[in-house]
Amino acid sequence: MMLARAVTVPKLIAGVSAFAVILLLAALASRTETRPSFDFFKKPNAGVSQHLLARLNLAEKIWGQAVKDREKMVEHVGLDRDFPDGYNNPYNVWDFARPSFFCPHDLERVGKLGDGGKVVCGMSRYEKEAPGPSSAENPAREMVIYSLGVNRDSSFEEAMMERTNVQIWGYDFSVDSWASEVAKGPFTSRAHFTKAGIGKETDPKRDPPFYTVQDLMKANGHEYVDIIKMDIEGAEFDALTSFVEHTIKEAGDKQPVLPFGQLLLEVHFWTDKEQLHIPRKLETWMKWWSSLEELGLRPVNNEDNWIGDVAFGKARFMEYTLINVLNAEDNILLWG
């Protein structure tokens, strides 16, 4: 599985030979030098206010410091603990991916409280530029949302269609339709559901079929998605790795840019799903997380899934809100 370069430096482990230590540090140092430092926000972008640019520049500076701080954390605790449960003191596993960027607008939970609702960055921006309710007769800009993992709650999708002009494409192999909020609501014509899974590879012959996110976008004729909601029970690692690899390949010599504006992601550290490439080491977790950041994603919020954590007695599940700071032309969050 190809992953982006790491941004971590490990703690020296007792018993390792000096020669091996030198080689290890040299290899990791060569990768830390590749950490991105975007000058994107300093460039004049049409329609972007100086106030917003200043806030984004400050947020990027804070994020950059957080990356350095987590490198020191790795030095302190090392890479040799059991993952994820061995990382609980003095840093828990989620401290290595804290929301170090800040939303330049507002943060609001959309949908019901508890499991099901999602924290959205800049909901007021979406309402301003694409005001709802969702309707074929609505002359406002039309947003596109992908809801990957539906289960038995569609309160987020219902609220988005009430408040913005949006069409939503939903995929889930474990249920047959949207939950009642959408299935029995007034916006069913704007909500498109397919019983299918999301993964690293597309296999339409499986039952139910599985698709990559990039292949779904191509099939639907979407070059850009405003919001991707992804809650796919551990398959997020494979799905996003595939998306990142595809984006890098398509970019060639250019800066790769993920074709969406915001990612509402639940991360699952299941330890019993061997068929999924869920990180089993801190170094793998950091490489994967860094691969998202290198393509412009910045975490602006997180919250524990307490229901899952209490059930397992472990800090295994976390909800993240990440915005894409590289997609200025399409991303409503980076306008004026």
Foldseek 3Di string as FASTA:
>chain_A
DDFQFFQADAADDPPDDPVVNVVRRVVNVVRNVPQDDDPVLVDDDPQFDPVLSVLQVVLSVQVVVLSVVLNVVRNVPGWPAWPQFRADPPGHLCSSAAQRGAQSADWDWAFDPAPQTFIARPPVLQCVQFFDQADPPRPGDEAEEEEADAPAHDRRVLRCNGGGHYAYEYEAQPDDDHHCSAVVDDCVVRYHYDNEHEALDWDVPDVNTYHAPVVVCVVVVHQAHAEYEHDHAQRVLNRVRSQLVVQPVVQVPHQRARRYFKYWDKHFQDPPPVVHCRDRISRVVSRSVSSVVSNAKGWHDKDFNVVVCVVVVGRGMMITMIGGPPPCVPHSSRGD
